[in-house]
PDB file of all heavy atoms in Angstrom:
ATOM      1  N   PRO A   1       0.810  -1.195  -0.006  1.00  0.00           N
ATOM      2  CA  PRO A   1      -0.126   0.047   0.000  1.00  0.00           C
ATOM      3  C   PRO A   1       0.842   1.283   0.008  1.00  0.00           C
ATOM      4  O   PRO A   1       2.058   1.262   0.283  1.00  0.00           O
ATOM      5  CB  PRO A   1      -0.793  -0.079   1.278  1.00  0.00           C
ATOM      6  CG  PRO A   1      -0.887  -1.522   1.660  1.00  0.00           C
ATOM      7  CD  PRO A   1       0.471  -2.157   1.087  1.00  0.00           C
ATOM      8  N   PRO A   2       0.233   2.509  -0.298  1.00  0.00           N
ATOM      9  CA  PRO A   2       0.916   3.724  -0.369  1.00  0.00           C
ATOM     10  C   PRO A   2       1.840   4.050   0.806  1.00  0.00           C
ATOM     11  O   PRO A   2       2.906   4.503   0.567  1.00  0.00           O
ATOM     12  CB  PRO A   2      -0.217   4.737  -0.442  1.00  0.00           C
ATOM     13  CG  PRO A   2      -1.317   3.907  -1.177  1.00  0.00           C
ATOM     14  CD  PRO A   2      -1.144   2.537  -0.699  1.00  0.00           C
ATOM     15  N   PHE A   3       1.413   3.632   1.995  1.00  0.00           N
ATOM     16  CA  PHE A   3       2.248   3.941   3.180  1.00  0.00           C
ATOM     17  C   PHE A   3       3.745   3.255   2.995  1.00  0.00           C
ATOM     18  O   PHE A   3       4.688   3.714   3.578  1.00  0.00           O
ATOM     19  CB  PHE A   3       1.650   3.529   4.478  1.00  0.00           C
ATOM     20  CG  PHE A   3       1.671   2.107   4.831  1.00  0.00           C
ATOM     21  CD1 PHE A   3       2.735   1.439   5.393  1.00  0.00           C
ATOM     22  CD2 PHE A   3       0.444   1.299   4.502  1.00  0.00           C
ATOM     23  CE1 PHE A   3       2.779   0.106   5.731  1.00  0.00           C
ATOM     24  CE2 PHE A   3       0.532  -0.123   4.875  1.00  0.00           C
ATOM     25  CZ  PHE A   3       1.643  -0.597   5.343  1.00  0.00           C
ATOM     26  N   VAL A   4       3.717   2.165   2.261  1.00  0.00           N
ATOM     27  CA  VAL A   4       5.060   1.415   2.104  1.00  0.00           C
ATOM     28  C   VAL A   4       5.937   2.348   1.203  1.00  0.00           C
ATOM     29  O   VAL A   4       7.148   2.514   1.425  1.00  0.00           O
ATOM     30  CB  VAL A   4       4.830   0.079   1.373  1.00  0.00           C
ATOM     31  CG1 VAL A   4       6.195  -0.623   1.144  1.00  0.00           C
ATOM     32  CG2 VAL A   4       3.907  -0.711   2.242  1.00  0.00           C
ATOM     33  N   GLY A   5       5.359   2.901   0.180  1.00  0.00           N
ATOM     34  CA  GLY A   5       6.197   3.881  -0.686  1.00  0.00           C
ATOM     35  C   GLY A   5       6.690   5.063   0.251  1.00  0.00           C
ATOM     36  O   GLY A   5       7.804   5.432  -0.015  1.00  0.00           O
ATOM     37  N   ARG A   6       5.849   5.543   0.990  1.00  0.00           N
ATOM     38  CA  ARG A   6       6.246   6.707   1.855  1.00  0.00           C
ATOM     39  C   ARG A   6       7.315   6.282   2.784  1.00  0.00           C
ATOM     40  O   ARG A   6       8.224   7.076   3.044  1.00  0.00           O
ATOM     41  CB  ARG A   6       5.095   7.220   2.701  1.00  0.00           C
ATOM     42  CG  ARG A   6       3.956   7.846   1.790  1.00  0.00           C
ATOM     43  CD  ARG A   6       2.928   8.561   2.722  1.00  0.00           C
ATOM     44  NE  ARG A   6       1.766   9.034   1.892  1.00  0.00           N
ATOM     45  CZ  ARG A   6       0.685   8.365   1.694  1.00  0.00           C
ATOM     46  NH1 ARG A   6       0.477   7.190   2.273  1.00  0.00           N
ATOM     47  NH2 ARG A   6      -0.285   8.785   0.971  1.00  0.00           N
ATOM     48  N   GLU A   7       7.277   5.085   3.292  1.00  0.00           N
ATOM     49  CA  GLU A   7       8.259   4.607   4.303  1.00  0.00           C
ATOM     50  C   GLU A   7       9.597   4.373   3.493  1.00  0.00           C
ATOM     51  O   GLU A   7      10.700   4.770   3.993  1.00  0.00           O
ATOM     52  CB  GLU A   7       7.914   3.260   4.911  1.00  0.00           C
ATOM     53  CG  GLU A   7       8.711   2.904   6.070  1.00  0.00           C
ATOM     54  CD  GLU A   7       8.778   3.652   7.380  1.00  0.00           C
ATOM     55  OE1 GLU A   7       8.022   4.772   7.331  1.00  0.00           O
ATOM     56  OE2 GLU A   7       9.364   3.402   8.319  1.00  0.00           O
ATOM     57  N   PHE A   8       9.541   3.832   2.283  1.00  0.00           N
ATOM     58  CA  PHE A   8      10.865   3.727   1.509  1.00  0.00           C
ATOM     59  C   PHE A   8      11.394   5.108   1.270  1.00  0.00           C
ATOM     60  O   PHE A   8      12.698   5.393   1.363  1.00  0.00           O
ATOM     61  CB  PHE A   8      10.558   3.092   0.152  1.00  0.00           C
ATOM     62  CG  PHE A   8      10.621   1.615   0.220  1.00  0.00           C
ATOM     63  CD1 PHE A   8       9.424   0.797  -0.184  1.00  0.00           C
ATOM     64  CD2 PHE A   8      11.778   0.860   0.497  1.00  0.00           C
ATOM     65  CE1 PHE A   8       9.530  -0.459  -0.220  1.00  0.00           C
ATOM     66  CE2 PHE A   8      11.800  -0.457   0.495  1.00  0.00           C
ATOM     67  CZ  PHE A   8      10.706  -1.247   0.152  1.00  0.00           C
ATOM     68  N   ASN A   9      10.565   6.096   1.002  1.00  0.00           N
ATOM     69  CA  ASN A   9      11.053   7.438   0.729  1.00  0.00           C
ATOM     70  C   ASN A   9      11.650   8.040   1.966  1.00  0.00           C
ATOM     71  O   ASN A   9      12.651   8.813   1.919  1.00  0.00           O
ATOM     72  CB  ASN A   9       9.713   8.178   0.287  1.00  0.00           C
ATOM     73  CG  ASN A   9      10.104   9.683  -0.196  1.00  0.00           C
ATOM     74  OD1 ASN A   9       9.349  10.631   0.016  1.00  0.00           O
ATOM     75  ND2 ASN A   9      11.364   9.887  -0.734  1.00  0.00           N
ATOM     76  N   ARG A  10      11.127   7.717   3.107  1.00  0.00           N
ATOM     77  CA  ARG A  10      11.750   8.240   4.375  1.00  0.00           C
ATOM     78  C   ARG A  10      13.106   7.600   4.625  1.00  0.00           C
ATOM     79  O   ARG A  10      14.025   8.313   5.186  1.00  0.00           O
ATOM     80  CB  ARG A  10      10.714   8.037   5.494  1.00  0.00           C
ATOM     81  CG  ARG A  10      11.085   8.536   6.872  1.00  0.00           C
ATOM     82  CD  ARG A  10      10.038   8.257   7.941  1.00  0.00           C
ATOM     83  NE  ARG A  10      10.101   6.925   8.424  1.00  0.00           N
ATOM     84  CZ  ARG A  10      11.059   6.334   9.303  1.00  0.00           C
ATOM     85  NH1 ARG A  10      12.007   7.222   9.795  1.00  0.00           N
ATOM     86  NH2 ARG A  10      10.999   5.113   9.660  1.00  0.00           N
ATOM     87  N   LEU A  11      13.217   6.389   4.388  1.00  0.00           N
ATOM     88  CA  LEU A  11      14.367   5.613   4.791  1.00  0.00           C
ATOM     89  C   LEU A  11      15.476   5.666   3.789  1.00  0.00           C
ATOM     90  O   LEU A  11      16.696   5.432   4.196  1.00  0.00           O
ATOM     91  CB  LEU A  11      13.987   4.026   5.049  1.00  0.00           C
ATOM     92  CG  LEU A  11      13.062   3.844   6.207  1.00  0.00           C
ATOM     93  CD1 LEU A  11      12.572   2.400   6.224  1.00  0.00           C
ATOM     94  CD2 LEU A  11      13.699   4.184   7.566  1.00  0.00           C
ATOM     95  N   ILE A  12      15.230   5.804   2.529  1.00  0.00           N
ATOM     96  CA  ILE A  12      16.309   5.844   1.532  1.00  0.00           C
ATOM     97  C   ILE A  12      16.642   7.343   1.211  1.00  0.00           C
ATOM     98  O   ILE A  12      15.870   8.137   0.838  1.00  0.00           O
ATOM     99  CB  ILE A  12      15.840   5.271   0.195  1.00  0.00           C
ATOM    100  CG1 ILE A  12      15.465   3.785   0.465  1.00  0.00           C
ATOM    101  CG2 ILE A  12      16.935   5.337  -0.938  1.00  0.00           C
ATOM    102  CD1 ILE A  12      14.933   3.091  -0.845  1.00  0.00           C
ATOM    103  N   PRO A  13      17.920   7.727   1.683  1.00  0.00           N
ATOM    104  CA  PRO A  13      18.246   9.203   1.658  1.00  0.00           C
ATOM    105  C   PRO A  13      17.963  10.005   0.385  1.00  0.00           C
ATOM    106  O   PRO A  13      17.323  10.973   0.429  1.00  0.00           O
ATOM    107  CB  PRO A  13      19.753   9.121   2.004  1.00  0.00           C
ATOM    108  CG  PRO A  13      19.976   7.813   2.675  1.00  0.00           C
ATOM    109  CD  PRO A  13      18.947   6.885   2.019  1.00  0.00           C
ATOM    110  N   ASN A  14      18.503   9.510  -0.679  1.00  0.00           N
ATOM    111  CA  ASN A  14      18.427  10.254  -1.936  1.00  0.00           C
ATOM    112  C   ASN A  14      17.343   9.809  -2.791  1.00  0.00           C
ATOM    113  O   ASN A  14      17.599   9.212  -3.929  1.00  0.00           O
ATOM    114  CB  ASN A  14      19.810  10.199  -2.568  1.00  0.00           C
ATOM    115  CG  ASN A  14      19.859  11.191  -3.787  1.00  0.00           C
ATOM    116  OD1 ASN A  14      19.087  12.083  -3.925  1.00  0.00           O
ATOM    117  ND2 ASN A  14      20.858  11.032  -4.652  1.00  0.00           N
ATOM    118  N   SER A  15      16.106   9.765  -2.276  1.00  0.00           N
ATOM    119  CA  SER A  15      14.966   9.198  -2.977  1.00  0.00           C
ATOM    120  C   SER A  15      13.839  10.207  -3.287  1.00  0.00           C
ATOM    121  O   SER A  15      13.643  11.236  -2.540  1.00  0.00           O
ATOM    122  CB  SER A  15      14.413   7.961  -2.131  1.00  0.00           C
ATOM    123  OG  SER A  15      13.842   8.517  -0.992  1.00  0.00           O
ATOM    124  N   GLU A  16      13.105   9.959  -4.367  1.00  0.00           N
ATOM    125  CA  GLU A  16      11.930  10.766  -4.656  1.00  0.00           C
ATOM    126  C   GLU A  16      10.738   9.858  -4.887  1.00  0.00           C
ATOM    127  O   GLU A  16      10.902   8.823  -5.505  1.00  0.00           O
ATOM    128  CB  GLU A  16      12.197  11.723  -5.804  1.00  0.00           C
ATOM    129  CG  GLU A  16      12.542  10.965  -7.100  1.00  0.00           C
ATOM    130  CD  GLU A  16      12.855  11.924  -8.268  1.00  0.00           C
ATOM    131  OE1 GLU A  16      13.882  12.579  -8.292  1.00  0.00           O
ATOM    132  OE2 GLU A  16      11.940  12.121  -9.163  1.00  0.00           O
ATOM    133  N   LEU A  17       9.518  10.244  -4.504  1.00  0.00           N
ATOM    134  CA  LEU A  17       8.438   9.441  -4.610  1.00  0.00           C
ATOM    135  C   LEU A  17       7.363   9.980  -5.436  1.00  0.00           C
ATOM    136  O   LEU A  17       6.997  11.179  -5.291  1.00  0.00           O
ATOM    137  CB  LEU A  17       7.837   9.199  -3.124  1.00  0.00           C
ATOM    138  CG  LEU A  17       6.517   8.398  -3.055  1.00  0.00           C
ATOM    139  CD1 LEU A  17       6.630   7.114  -3.491  1.00  0.00           C
ATOM    140  CD2 LEU A  17       6.091   8.487  -1.479  1.00  0.00           C
ATOM    141  N   HIS A  18       6.829   9.196  -6.304  1.00  0.00           N
ATOM    142  CA  HIS A  18       5.711   9.633  -7.194  1.00  0.00           C
ATOM    143  C   HIS A  18       4.602   8.694  -7.098  1.00  0.00           C
ATOM    144  O   HIS A  18       4.740   7.431  -7.294  1.00  0.00           O
ATOM    145  CB  HIS A  18       6.135   9.732  -8.662  1.00  0.00           C
ATOM    146  CG  HIS A  18       7.280  10.636  -9.020  1.00  0.00           C
ATOM    147  ND1 HIS A  18       7.033  11.850  -9.595  1.00  0.00           N
ATOM    148  CD2 HIS A  18       8.653  10.548  -8.703  1.00  0.00           C
ATOM    149  CE1 HIS A  18       8.179  12.535  -9.681  1.00  0.00           C
ATOM    150  NE2 HIS A  18       9.187  11.707  -9.125  1.00  0.00           N
ATOM    151  N   PHE A  19       3.334   9.205  -6.814  1.00  0.00           N
ATOM    152  CA  PHE A  19       2.177   8.404  -6.800  1.00  0.00           C
ATOM    153  C   PHE A  19       1.410   8.453  -8.052  1.00  0.00           C
ATOM    154  O   PHE A  19       1.387   9.628  -8.672  1.00  0.00           O
ATOM    155  CB  PHE A  19       1.251   8.781  -5.620  1.00  0.00           C
ATOM    156  CG  PHE A  19       1.792   8.176  -4.274  1.00  0.00           C
ATOM    157  CD1 PHE A  19       2.129   9.140  -3.311  1.00  0.00           C
ATOM    158  CD2 PHE A  19       1.718   6.890  -3.901  1.00  0.00           C
ATOM    159  CE1 PHE A  19       2.608   8.697  -2.072  1.00  0.00           C
ATOM    160  CE2 PHE A  19       2.165   6.457  -2.771  1.00  0.00           C
ATOM    161  CZ  PHE A  19       2.584   7.369  -1.726  1.00  0.00           C
ATOM    162  N   VAL A  20       0.745   7.481  -8.517  1.00  0.00           N
ATOM    163  CA  VAL A  20      -0.089   7.381  -9.716  1.00  0.00           C
ATOM    164  C   VAL A  20      -1.456   6.978  -9.349  1.00  0.00           C
ATOM    165  O   VAL A  20      -1.669   5.973  -8.669  1.00  0.00           O
ATOM    166  CB  VAL A  20       0.465   6.398 -10.694  1.00  0.00           C
ATOM    167  CG1 VAL A  20      -0.260   6.570 -12.041  1.00  0.00           C
ATOM    168  CG2 VAL A  20       1.997   6.772 -11.014  1.00  0.00           C
ATOM    169  N   ASP A  21      -2.435   7.827  -9.702  1.00  0.00           N
ATOM    170  CA  ASP A  21      -3.847   7.543  -9.268  1.00  0.00           C
ATOM    171  C   ASP A  21      -4.413   6.438 -10.186  1.00  0.00           C
ATOM    172  O   ASP A  21      -3.941   6.190 -11.254  1.00  0.00           O
ATOM    173  CB  ASP A  21      -4.715   8.735  -9.444  1.00  0.00           C
ATOM    174  CG  ASP A  21      -4.440   9.820  -8.314  1.00  0.00           C
ATOM    175  OD1 ASP A  21      -4.140   9.438  -7.253  1.00  0.00           O
ATOM    176  OD2 ASP A  21      -4.570  11.043  -8.596  1.00  0.00           O
ATOM    177  N   LYS A  22      -5.432   5.798  -9.656  1.00  0.00           N
ATOM    178  CA  LYS A  22      -6.158   4.710 -10.348  1.00  0.00           C
ATOM    179  C   LYS A  22      -5.156   3.658 -10.855  1.00  0.00           C
ATOM    180  O   LYS A  22      -5.072   3.259 -12.043  1.00  0.00           O
ATOM    181  CB  LYS A  22      -6.961   5.323 -11.474  1.00  0.00           C
ATOM    182  CG  LYS A  22      -8.119   6.246 -10.982  1.00  0.00           C
ATOM    183  CD  LYS A  22      -8.898   6.786 -12.194  1.00  0.00           C
ATOM    184  CE  LYS A  22     -10.030   7.671 -11.696  1.00  0.00           C
ATOM    185  NZ  LYS A  22     -10.870   8.235 -12.850  1.00  0.00           N
ATOM    186  N   CYS A  23      -4.331   3.203  -9.927  1.00  0.00           N
ATOM    187  CA  CYS A  23      -3.250   2.308 -10.261  1.00  0.00           C
ATOM    188  C   CYS A  23      -2.937   1.386  -9.098  1.00  0.00           C
ATOM    189  O   CYS A  23      -2.946   1.811  -7.899  1.00  0.00           O
ATOM    190  CB  CYS A  23      -1.999   3.113 -10.641  1.00  0.00           C
ATOM    191  SG  CYS A  23      -0.549   2.089 -10.952  1.00  0.00           S
ATOM    192  N   GLY A  24      -2.712   0.107  -9.432  1.00  0.00           N
ATOM    193  CA  GLY A  24      -2.502  -0.874  -8.281  1.00  0.00           C
ATOM    194  C   GLY A  24      -0.963  -1.242  -8.191  1.00  0.00           C
ATOM    195  O   GLY A  24      -0.062  -0.274  -8.187  1.00  0.00           O
ATOM    196  N   HIS A  25      -0.689  -2.449  -8.148  1.00  0.00           N
ATOM    197  CA  HIS A  25       0.638  -3.009  -7.679  1.00  0.00           C
ATOM    198  C   HIS A  25       1.711  -3.006  -8.835  1.00  0.00           C
ATOM    199  O   HIS A  25       2.875  -3.157  -8.637  1.00  0.00           O
ATOM    200  CB  HIS A  25       0.424  -4.433  -7.140  1.00  0.00           C
ATOM    201  CG  HIS A  25       1.705  -4.953  -6.516  1.00  0.00           C
ATOM    202  ND1 HIS A  25       2.404  -4.316  -5.516  1.00  0.00           N
ATOM    203  CD2 HIS A  25       2.320  -6.172  -6.838  1.00  0.00           C
ATOM    204  CE1 HIS A  25       3.370  -5.101  -5.191  1.00  0.00           C
ATOM    205  NE2 HIS A  25       3.357  -6.260  -5.922  1.00  0.00           N
ATOM    206  N   ALA A  26       1.257  -2.925 -10.158  1.00  0.00           N
ATOM    207  CA  ALA A  26       2.199  -2.870 -11.199  1.00  0.00           C
ATOM    208  C   ALA A  26       1.999  -1.731 -12.182  1.00  0.00           C
ATOM    209  O   ALA A  26       1.409  -1.831 -13.325  1.00  0.00           O
ATOM    210  CB  ALA A  26       1.999  -4.173 -12.001  1.00  0.00           C
ATOM    211  N   PRO A  27       2.412  -0.549 -11.727  1.00  0.00           N
ATOM    212  CA  PRO A  27       2.264   0.639 -12.597  1.00  0.00           C
ATOM    213  C   PRO A  27       2.680   0.563 -13.962  1.00  0.00           C
ATOM    214  O   PRO A  27       2.100   1.119 -14.973  1.00  0.00           O
ATOM    215  CB  PRO A  27       3.012   1.779 -11.761  1.00  0.00           C
ATOM    216  CG  PRO A  27       2.928   1.332 -10.415  1.00  0.00           C
ATOM    217  CD  PRO A  27       3.135  -0.247 -10.419  1.00  0.00           C
ATOM    218  N   MET A  28       3.853  -0.115 -14.186  1.00  0.00           N
ATOM    219  CA  MET A  28       4.359  -0.188 -15.558  1.00  0.00           C
ATOM    220  C   MET A  28       3.462  -0.920 -16.559  1.00  0.00           C
ATOM    221  O   MET A  28       3.673  -0.867 -17.718  1.00  0.00           O
ATOM    222  CB  MET A  28       5.878  -0.766 -15.558  1.00  0.00           C
ATOM    223  CG  MET A  28       5.898  -2.237 -15.254  1.00  0.00           C
ATOM    224  SD  MET A  28       5.592  -2.647 -13.507  1.00  0.00           S
ATOM    225  CE  MET A  28       5.606  -4.458 -13.574  1.00  0.00           C
ATOM    226  N   MET A  29       2.617  -1.821 -15.928  1.00  0.00           N
ATOM    227  CA  MET A  29       1.586  -2.516 -16.681  1.00  0.00           C
ATOM    228  C   MET A  29       0.310  -1.649 -16.809  1.00  0.00           C
ATOM    229  O   MET A  29      -0.261  -1.563 -17.941  1.00  0.00           O
ATOM    230  CB  MET A  29       1.207  -3.867 -16.102  1.00  0.00           C
ATOM    231  CG  MET A  29       2.450  -4.882 -16.174  1.00  0.00           C
ATOM    232  SD  MET A  29       1.832  -6.376 -15.458  1.00  0.00           S
ATOM    233  CE  MET A  29       0.560  -6.933 -16.563  1.00  0.00           C
ATOM    234  N   GLU A  30      -0.136  -1.151 -15.706  1.00  0.00           N
ATOM    235  CA  GLU A  30      -1.473  -0.569 -15.743  1.00  0.00           C
ATOM    236  C   GLU A  30      -1.567   0.803 -16.219  1.00  0.00           C
ATOM    237  O   GLU A  30      -2.554   1.295 -16.924  1.00  0.00           O
ATOM    238  CB  GLU A  30      -1.969  -0.648 -14.292  1.00  0.00           C
ATOM    239  CG  GLU A  30      -3.526  -0.327 -14.149  1.00  0.00           C
ATOM    240  CD  GLU A  30      -4.062  -0.826 -12.809  1.00  0.00           C
ATOM    241  OE1 GLU A  30      -3.325  -1.000 -11.855  1.00  0.00           O
ATOM    242  OE2 GLU A  30      -5.282  -0.998 -12.810  1.00  0.00           O
ATOM    243  N   VAL A  31      -0.531   1.630 -16.031  1.00  0.00           N
ATOM    244  CA  VAL A  31      -0.463   2.997 -16.480  1.00  0.00           C
ATOM    245  C   VAL A  31       0.888   3.294 -17.117  1.00  0.00           C
ATOM    246  O   VAL A  31       1.731   4.125 -16.625  1.00  0.00           O
ATOM    247  CB  VAL A  31      -0.695   3.987 -15.360  1.00  0.00           C
ATOM    248  CG1 VAL A  31      -2.145   4.020 -14.888  1.00  0.00           C
ATOM    249  CG2 VAL A  31       0.096   3.734 -14.146  1.00  0.00           C
ATOM    250  N   PRO A  32       1.219   2.564 -18.271  1.00  0.00           N
ATOM    251  CA  PRO A  32       2.499   2.637 -18.795  1.00  0.00           C
ATOM    252  C   PRO A  32       2.999   3.980 -19.233  1.00  0.00           C
ATOM    253  O   PRO A  32       4.156   4.360 -19.075  1.00  0.00           O
ATOM    254  CB  PRO A  32       2.447   1.737 -20.039  1.00  0.00           C
ATOM    255  CG  PRO A  32       1.036   1.462 -20.274  1.00  0.00           C
ATOM    256  CD  PRO A  32       0.330   1.658 -18.920  1.00  0.00           C
ATOM    257  N   GLU A  33       2.054   4.804 -19.794  1.00  0.00           N
ATOM    258  CA  GLU A  33       2.459   6.093 -20.316  1.00  0.00           C
ATOM    259  C   GLU A  33       2.943   6.915 -19.050  1.00  0.00           C
ATOM    260  O   GLU A  33       3.975   7.684 -19.157  1.00  0.00           O
ATOM    261  CB  GLU A  33       1.273   6.790 -21.019  1.00  0.00           C
ATOM    262  CG  GLU A  33       1.028   6.215 -22.453  1.00  0.00           C
ATOM    263  CD  GLU A  33      -0.047   6.853 -23.159  1.00  0.00           C
ATOM    264  OE1 GLU A  33      -0.463   8.063 -22.792  1.00  0.00           O
ATOM    265  OE2 GLU A  33      -0.400   6.425 -24.210  1.00  0.00           O
ATOM    266  N   ALA A  34       2.122   7.017 -18.019  1.00  0.00           N
ATOM    267  CA  ALA A  34       2.480   7.733 -16.798  1.00  0.00           C
ATOM    268  C   ALA A  34       3.767   7.210 -16.254  1.00  0.00           C
ATOM    269  O   ALA A  34       4.724   8.024 -15.901  1.00  0.00           O
ATOM    270  CB  ALA A  34       1.416   7.745 -15.800  1.00  0.00           C
ATOM    271  N   PHE A  35       3.947   5.978 -16.172  1.00  0.00           N
ATOM    272  CA  PHE A  35       5.120   5.316 -15.572  1.00  0.00           C
ATOM    273  C   PHE A  35       6.336   5.774 -16.421  1.00  0.00           C
ATOM    274  O   PHE A  35       7.429   6.247 -15.901  1.00  0.00           O
ATOM    275  CB  PHE A  35       5.024   3.885 -15.589  1.00  0.00           C
ATOM    276  CG  PHE A  35       6.188   3.163 -14.898  1.00  0.00           C
ATOM    277  CD1 PHE A  35       6.051   2.744 -13.559  1.00  0.00           C
ATOM    278  CD2 PHE A  35       7.342   2.730 -15.630  1.00  0.00           C
ATOM    279  CE1 PHE A  35       7.082   2.139 -12.963  1.00  0.00           C
ATOM    280  CE2 PHE A  35       8.372   2.141 -15.048  1.00  0.00           C
ATOM    281  CZ  PHE A  35       8.343   1.758 -13.635  1.00  0.00           C
ATOM    282  N   ASN A  36       6.272   5.599 -17.684  1.00  0.00           N
ATOM    283  CA  ASN A  36       7.383   5.933 -18.644  1.00  0.00           C
ATOM    284  C   ASN A  36       7.827   7.408 -18.580  1.00  0.00           C
ATOM    285  O   ASN A  36       8.967   7.756 -18.607  1.00  0.00           O
ATOM    286  CB  ASN A  36       7.166   5.473 -20.051  1.00  0.00           C
ATOM    287  CG  ASN A  36       7.041   3.977 -20.231  1.00  0.00           C
ATOM    288  OD1 ASN A  36       7.558   3.275 -19.330  1.00  0.00           O
ATOM    289  ND2 ASN A  36       6.464   3.561 -21.313  1.00  0.00           N
ATOM    290  N   GLU A  37       6.859   8.209 -18.391  1.00  0.00           N
ATOM    291  CA  GLU A  37       7.061   9.685 -18.336  1.00  0.00           C
ATOM    292  C   GLU A  37       7.800  10.058 -16.947  1.00  0.00           C
ATOM    293  O   GLU A  37       8.739  10.835 -17.029  1.00  0.00           O
ATOM    294  CB  GLU A  37       5.715  10.478 -18.350  1.00  0.00           C
ATOM    295  CG  GLU A  37       5.908  11.954 -18.327  1.00  0.00           C
ATOM    296  CD  GLU A  37       4.627  12.730 -18.444  1.00  0.00           C
ATOM    297  OE1 GLU A  37       3.576  12.091 -18.671  1.00  0.00           O
ATOM    298  OE2 GLU A  37       4.637  13.917 -18.221  1.00  0.00           O
ATOM    299  N   ILE A  38       7.436   9.436 -15.913  1.00  0.00           N
ATOM    300  CA  ILE A  38       8.136   9.701 -14.641  1.00  0.00           C
ATOM    301  C   ILE A  38       9.503   9.090 -14.662  1.00  0.00           C
ATOM    302  O   ILE A  38      10.543   9.789 -14.352  1.00  0.00           O
ATOM    303  CB  ILE A  38       7.334   9.050 -13.515  1.00  0.00           C
ATOM    304  CG1 ILE A  38       6.000   9.705 -13.273  1.00  0.00           C
ATOM    305  CG2 ILE A  38       8.155   9.122 -12.182  1.00  0.00           C
ATOM    306  CD1 ILE A  38       5.059   8.920 -12.376  1.00  0.00           C
ATOM    307  N   LEU A  39       9.718   7.931 -15.238  1.00  0.00           N
ATOM    308  CA  LEU A  39      11.016   7.349 -15.326  1.00  0.00           C
ATOM    309  C   LEU A  39      11.943   8.051 -16.234  1.00  0.00           C
ATOM    310  O   LEU A  39      13.135   8.343 -15.901  1.00  0.00           O
ATOM    311  CB  LEU A  39      10.875   5.825 -15.777  1.00  0.00           C
ATOM    312  CG  LEU A  39      12.190   5.035 -15.934  1.00  0.00           C
ATOM    313  CD1 LEU A  39      13.028   5.062 -14.674  1.00  0.00           C
ATOM    314  CD2 LEU A  39      11.887   3.579 -16.347  1.00  0.00           C
ATOM    315  N   ALA A  40      11.393   8.460 -17.325  1.00  0.00           N
ATOM    316  CA  ALA A  40      12.277   9.238 -18.299  1.00  0.00           C
ATOM    317  C   ALA A  40      12.724  10.572 -17.690  1.00  0.00           C
ATOM    318  O   ALA A  40      13.927  10.970 -17.866  1.00  0.00           O
ATOM    319  CB  ALA A  40      11.465   9.533 -19.525  1.00  0.00           C
ATOM    320  N   GLY A  41      11.793  11.249 -16.908  1.00  0.00           N
ATOM    321  CA  GLY A  41      12.220  12.435 -16.299  1.00  0.00           C
ATOM    322  C   GLY A  41      13.343  12.296 -15.229  1.00  0.00           C
ATOM    323  O   GLY A  41      14.283  13.055 -15.234  1.00  0.00           O
ATOM    324  N   PHE A  42      13.245  11.128 -14.526  1.00  0.00           N
ATOM    325  CA  PHE A  42      14.220  10.809 -13.485  1.00  0.00           C
ATOM    326  C   PHE A  42      15.632  10.619 -14.222  1.00  0.00           C
ATOM    327  O   PHE A  42      16.640  11.097 -13.861  1.00  0.00           O
ATOM    328  CB  PHE A  42      13.748   9.577 -12.767  1.00  0.00           C
ATOM    329  CG  PHE A  42      14.723   9.033 -11.821  1.00  0.00           C
ATOM    330  CD1 PHE A  42      15.092   9.627 -10.584  1.00  0.00           C
ATOM    331  CD2 PHE A  42      15.444   7.893 -12.100  1.00  0.00           C
ATOM    332  CE1 PHE A  42      16.060   9.119  -9.721  1.00  0.00           C
ATOM    333  CE2 PHE A  42      16.265   7.327 -11.209  1.00  0.00           C
ATOM    334  CZ  PHE A  42      16.532   7.945 -10.023  1.00  0.00           C
ATOM    335  N   LEU A  43      15.522   9.656 -15.239  1.00  0.00           N
ATOM    336  CA  LEU A  43      16.784   9.321 -16.044  1.00  0.00           C
ATOM    337  C   LEU A  43      17.452  10.492 -16.602  1.00  0.00           C
ATOM    338  O   LEU A  43      18.616  10.708 -16.620  1.00  0.00           O
ATOM    339  CB  LEU A  43      16.485   8.225 -16.962  1.00  0.00           C
ATOM    340  CG  LEU A  43      16.063   6.799 -16.351  1.00  0.00           C
ATOM    341  CD1 LEU A  43      15.759   5.899 -17.377  1.00  0.00           C
ATOM    342  CD2 LEU A  43      17.222   6.311 -15.529  1.00  0.00           C
ATOM    343  N   ASN A  44      16.616  11.456 -17.153  1.00  0.00           N
ATOM    344  CA  ASN A  44      17.112  12.534 -17.838  1.00  0.00           C
ATOM    345  C   ASN A  44      17.831  13.512 -16.859  1.00  0.00           C
ATOM    346  O   ASN A  44      18.846  14.106 -17.182  1.00  0.00           O
ATOM    347  CB  ASN A  44      16.019  13.364 -18.558  1.00  0.00           C
ATOM    348  CG  ASN A  44      15.643  12.627 -19.795  1.00  0.00           C
ATOM    349  OD1 ASN A  44      16.268  11.941 -20.403  1.00  0.00           O
ATOM    350  ND2 ASN A  44      14.313  13.019 -20.259  1.00  0.00           N
TER     351      ASN A  44
END
């Protein structure tokens, strides 16, 4: 659940957290366009 993402964000020093609405456990499958946009921005 979302609180797990928040806890990872709190515990990993150089981390950034992005939530995607209307999305479950596999964002790269369920919302691929949003996922790829977030990942591309991070890698760039």
